[in-house]
Amino acid sequence: MAQYNQLIQKILNEPSSEVYHYAFGQADYFSITHAVESRPWLVLINAKGMMETALPPDDLQEYISKNKHVLLGKLQEIVS
């Protein structure tokens, strides 16, 4: 569990992580993506800032396009 938490922290603290908006019904979510050890990971956060899940999708680009995520930019561009 400690390694999982460290991985999530690494993704959320990496300035080059990409941030996407994902609308599900009337709820807004934000996906933060970054490759860790050459494997793409996605961290899903709700509009209140609570993490919902983190996973390494089999195909990140397919997951992003299938679920209609909209790229907002790099984490460093959004959070200052």
N, C-alpha and C. Protein backbone atom coordinates (compact mmCIF):
# COMPACT_ATOMS: atom_id res chain seq x y z
N MET A 1 0.82 -1.19 0.00
CA MET A 1 0.00 0.00 0.00
C MET A 1 0.86 1.25 0.00
N ALA A 2 1.98 1.21 0.70
CA ALA A 2 2.87 2.38 0.76
C ALA A 2 3.41 2.71 -0.63
N GLN A 3 3.76 1.68 -1.42
CA GLN A 3 4.26 1.92 -2.77
C GLN A 3 3.18 2.54 -3.65
N TYR A 4 1.95 2.08 -3.51
CA TYR A 4 0.81 2.61 -4.26
C TYR A 4 0.63 4.09 -3.93
N ASN A 5 0.66 4.43 -2.66
CA ASN A 5 0.52 5.82 -2.24
C ASN A 5 1.67 6.68 -2.76
N GLN A 6 2.88 6.16 -2.74
CA GLN A 6 4.03 6.90 -3.26
C GLN A 6 3.89 7.14 -4.76
N LEU A 7 3.40 6.14 -5.47
CA LEU A 7 3.19 6.28 -6.90
C LEU A 7 2.18 7.38 -7.20
N ILE A 8 1.09 7.40 -6.46
CA ILE A 8 0.07 8.43 -6.64
C ILE A 8 0.65 9.81 -6.34
N GLN A 9 1.40 9.94 -5.26
CA GLN A 9 2.03 11.21 -4.91
C GLN A 9 2.98 11.67 -6.01
N LYS A 10 3.73 10.74 -6.58
CA LYS A 10 4.66 11.07 -7.66
C LYS A 10 3.90 11.66 -8.85
N ILE A 11 2.80 11.04 -9.22
CA ILE A 11 2.00 11.51 -10.35
C ILE A 11 1.43 12.90 -10.06
N LEU A 12 0.90 13.08 -8.85
CA LEU A 12 0.26 14.35 -8.49
C LEU A 12 1.26 15.48 -8.27
N ASN A 13 2.52 15.15 -8.07
CA ASN A 13 3.54 16.18 -7.85
C ASN A 13 4.43 16.41 -9.07
N GLU A 14 4.18 15.68 -10.14
CA GLU A 14 4.99 15.80 -11.35
C GLU A 14 4.45 16.94 -12.22
N PRO A 15 5.22 18.02 -12.40
CA PRO A 15 4.75 19.17 -13.18
C PRO A 15 4.32 18.83 -14.61
N SER A 16 4.91 17.78 -15.19
CA SER A 16 4.58 17.44 -16.58
C SER A 16 3.38 16.49 -16.70
N SER A 17 2.77 16.11 -15.58
CA SER A 17 1.56 15.28 -15.64
C SER A 17 0.48 16.03 -16.41
N GLU A 18 -0.30 15.29 -17.19
CA GLU A 18 -1.38 15.91 -17.96
C GLU A 18 -2.68 15.83 -17.17
N VAL A 19 -3.46 16.91 -17.26
CA VAL A 19 -4.73 17.01 -16.54
C VAL A 19 -5.86 17.05 -17.55
N TYR A 20 -6.86 16.20 -17.32
CA TYR A 20 -8.03 16.12 -18.19
C TYR A 20 -9.28 16.37 -17.37
N HIS A 21 -10.30 16.91 -18.03
CA HIS A 21 -11.63 17.04 -17.42
C HIS A 21 -12.47 15.88 -17.93
N TYR A 22 -13.24 15.28 -17.03
CA TYR A 22 -14.11 14.17 -17.38
C TYR A 22 -15.47 14.41 -16.73
N ALA A 23 -16.50 14.57 -17.55
CA ALA A 23 -17.85 14.78 -17.03
C ALA A 23 -18.59 13.44 -17.06
N PHE A 24 -19.18 13.10 -15.92
CA PHE A 24 -19.97 11.87 -15.82
C PHE A 24 -21.32 12.27 -15.27
N GLY A 25 -22.32 12.31 -16.14
CA GLY A 25 -23.62 12.84 -15.73
C GLY A 25 -23.44 14.30 -15.39
N GLN A 26 -23.85 14.69 -14.20
CA GLN A 26 -23.69 16.07 -13.77
C GLN A 26 -22.46 16.26 -12.88
N ALA A 27 -21.68 15.21 -12.72
CA ALA A 27 -20.48 15.28 -11.87
C ALA A 27 -19.23 15.55 -12.71
N ASP A 28 -18.35 16.38 -12.16
CA ASP A 28 -17.08 16.68 -12.81
C ASP A 28 -15.95 15.93 -12.11
N TYR A 29 -15.06 15.40 -12.91
CA TYR A 29 -13.88 14.70 -12.41
C TYR A 29 -12.66 15.21 -13.16
N PHE A 30 -11.51 15.01 -12.57
CA PHE A 30 -10.26 15.38 -13.20
C PHE A 30 -9.34 14.18 -13.17
N SER A 31 -8.78 13.87 -14.33
CA SER A 31 -7.84 12.77 -14.46
C SER A 31 -6.45 13.35 -14.63
N ILE A 32 -5.53 12.88 -13.83
CA ILE A 32 -4.14 13.29 -13.93
C ILE A 32 -3.37 12.07 -14.40
N THR A 33 -2.64 12.22 -15.50
CA THR A 33 -1.95 11.08 -16.08
C THR A 33 -0.45 11.34 -16.17
N HIS A 34 0.30 10.27 -15.99
CA HIS A 34 1.76 10.35 -16.12
C HIS A 34 2.30 8.93 -16.18
N ALA A 35 3.38 8.75 -16.92
CA ALA A 35 4.02 7.44 -17.00
C ALA A 35 5.00 7.27 -15.84
N VAL A 36 4.89 6.16 -15.15
CA VAL A 36 5.81 5.81 -14.07
C VAL A 36 6.50 4.52 -14.49
N GLU A 37 7.83 4.59 -14.61
CA GLU A 37 8.61 3.44 -15.08
C GLU A 37 8.06 2.93 -16.41
N SER A 38 7.81 3.85 -17.32
CA SER A 38 7.34 3.58 -18.69
C SER A 38 5.92 3.04 -18.76
N ARG A 39 5.20 3.05 -17.66
CA ARG A 39 3.80 2.58 -17.68
C ARG A 39 2.88 3.75 -17.37
N PRO A 40 1.95 4.07 -18.28
CA PRO A 40 1.02 5.17 -18.04
C PRO A 40 0.06 4.86 -16.89
N TRP A 41 -0.13 5.84 -16.02
CA TRP A 41 -1.06 5.75 -14.91
C TRP A 41 -2.06 6.88 -14.99
N LEU A 42 -3.24 6.67 -14.41
CA LEU A 42 -4.29 7.67 -14.35
C LEU A 42 -4.80 7.76 -12.91
N VAL A 43 -4.85 8.97 -12.39
CA VAL A 43 -5.41 9.22 -11.06
C VAL A 43 -6.68 10.04 -11.27
N LEU A 44 -7.81 9.54 -10.78
CA LEU A 44 -9.10 10.21 -10.95
C LEU A 44 -9.49 10.90 -9.65
N ILE A 45 -9.76 12.20 -9.77
CA ILE A 45 -10.09 13.04 -8.61
C ILE A 45 -11.44 13.69 -8.85
N ASN A 46 -12.29 13.73 -7.82
CA ASN A 46 -13.58 14.39 -7.98
C ASN A 46 -13.43 15.90 -7.84
N ALA A 47 -14.50 16.63 -8.07
CA ALA A 47 -14.47 18.10 -8.05
C ALA A 47 -14.14 18.66 -6.67
N LYS A 48 -14.30 17.85 -5.62
CA LYS A 48 -13.97 18.30 -4.27
C LYS A 48 -12.51 18.00 -3.91
N GLY A 49 -11.77 17.42 -4.85
CA GLY A 49 -10.36 17.13 -4.62
C GLY A 49 -10.08 15.79 -3.98
N MET A 50 -11.09 14.95 -3.86
CA MET A 50 -10.92 13.61 -3.27
C MET A 50 -10.57 12.61 -4.37
N MET A 51 -9.56 11.79 -4.12
CA MET A 51 -9.19 10.78 -5.09
C MET A 51 -10.24 9.69 -5.12
N GLU A 52 -10.67 9.34 -6.32
CA GLU A 52 -11.65 8.27 -6.51
C GLU A 52 -10.94 6.94 -6.77
N THR A 53 -9.93 6.97 -7.66
CA THR A 53 -9.20 5.76 -8.01
C THR A 53 -7.89 6.12 -8.69
N ALA A 54 -7.03 5.16 -8.80
CA ALA A 54 -5.80 5.29 -9.58
C ALA A 54 -5.54 3.94 -10.23
N LEU A 55 -5.20 3.96 -11.50
CA LEU A 55 -5.02 2.71 -12.22
C LEU A 55 -4.10 2.90 -13.41
N PRO A 56 -3.49 1.81 -13.86
CA PRO A 56 -2.73 1.84 -15.10
C PRO A 56 -3.58 1.26 -16.23
N PRO A 57 -4.27 2.08 -17.00
CA PRO A 57 -5.12 1.54 -18.06
C PRO A 57 -4.30 0.72 -19.06
N ASP A 58 -4.92 -0.29 -19.64
CA ASP A 58 -4.23 -1.10 -20.65
C ASP A 58 -3.76 -0.22 -21.81
N ASP A 59 -4.62 0.71 -22.23
CA ASP A 59 -4.29 1.64 -23.32
C ASP A 59 -4.80 3.01 -22.90
N LEU A 60 -3.92 3.86 -22.41
CA LEU A 60 -4.32 5.16 -21.87
C LEU A 60 -5.04 6.00 -22.91
N GLN A 61 -4.52 6.08 -24.12
CA GLN A 61 -5.15 6.93 -25.14
C GLN A 61 -6.56 6.44 -25.48
N GLU A 62 -6.74 5.14 -25.55
CA GLU A 62 -8.07 4.58 -25.81
C GLU A 62 -9.01 4.91 -24.65
N TYR A 63 -8.53 4.76 -23.43
CA TYR A 63 -9.33 5.05 -22.24
C TYR A 63 -9.76 6.52 -22.23
N ILE A 64 -8.82 7.41 -22.52
CA ILE A 64 -9.09 8.85 -22.53
C ILE A 64 -10.12 9.20 -23.61
N SER A 65 -9.93 8.68 -24.82
CA SER A 65 -10.85 9.03 -25.90
C SER A 65 -12.21 8.36 -25.73
N LYS A 66 -12.24 7.12 -25.27
CA LYS A 66 -13.50 6.40 -25.08
C LYS A 66 -14.38 7.07 -24.03
N ASN A 67 -13.75 7.58 -22.99
CA ASN A 67 -14.49 8.22 -21.91
C ASN A 67 -14.61 9.74 -22.07
N LYS A 68 -14.24 10.24 -23.24
CA LYS A 68 -14.41 11.65 -23.60
C LYS A 68 -13.77 12.62 -22.61
N HIS A 69 -12.55 12.33 -22.25
CA HIS A 69 -11.77 13.25 -21.42
C HIS A 69 -11.33 14.43 -22.29
N VAL A 70 -11.30 15.61 -21.73
CA VAL A 70 -10.86 16.81 -22.44
C VAL A 70 -9.57 17.30 -21.79
N LEU A 71 -8.52 17.39 -22.59
CA LEU A 71 -7.22 17.82 -22.07
C LEU A 71 -7.28 19.28 -21.65
N LEU A 72 -6.89 19.55 -20.40
CA LEU A 72 -6.83 20.92 -19.89
C LEU A 72 -5.41 21.47 -19.98
N GLY A 73 -4.41 20.62 -19.89
CA GLY A 73 -3.03 21.05 -19.98
C GLY A 73 -2.15 20.29 -19.01
N LYS A 74 -0.92 20.74 -18.91
CA LYS A 74 0.04 20.15 -17.97
C LYS A 74 -0.25 20.67 -16.57
N LEU A 75 0.04 19.87 -15.58
CA LEU A 75 -0.18 20.25 -14.19
C LEU A 75 0.50 21.58 -13.86
N GLN A 76 1.72 21.77 -14.35
CA GLN A 76 2.47 23.00 -14.07
C GLN A 76 1.79 24.23 -14.68
N GLU A 77 0.99 24.05 -15.72
CA GLU A 77 0.27 25.16 -16.35
C GLU A 77 -1.01 25.51 -15.58
N ILE A 78 -1.55 24.52 -14.89
CA ILE A 78 -2.84 24.70 -14.22
C ILE A 78 -2.68 25.10 -12.77
N VAL A 79 -1.72 24.48 -12.09
CA VAL A 79 -1.50 24.75 -10.67
C VAL A 79 -0.21 25.55 -10.53
N SER A 80 -0.32 26.69 -9.90
CA SER A 80 0.91 27.49 -9.73
C SER A 80 1.14 27.83 -8.28
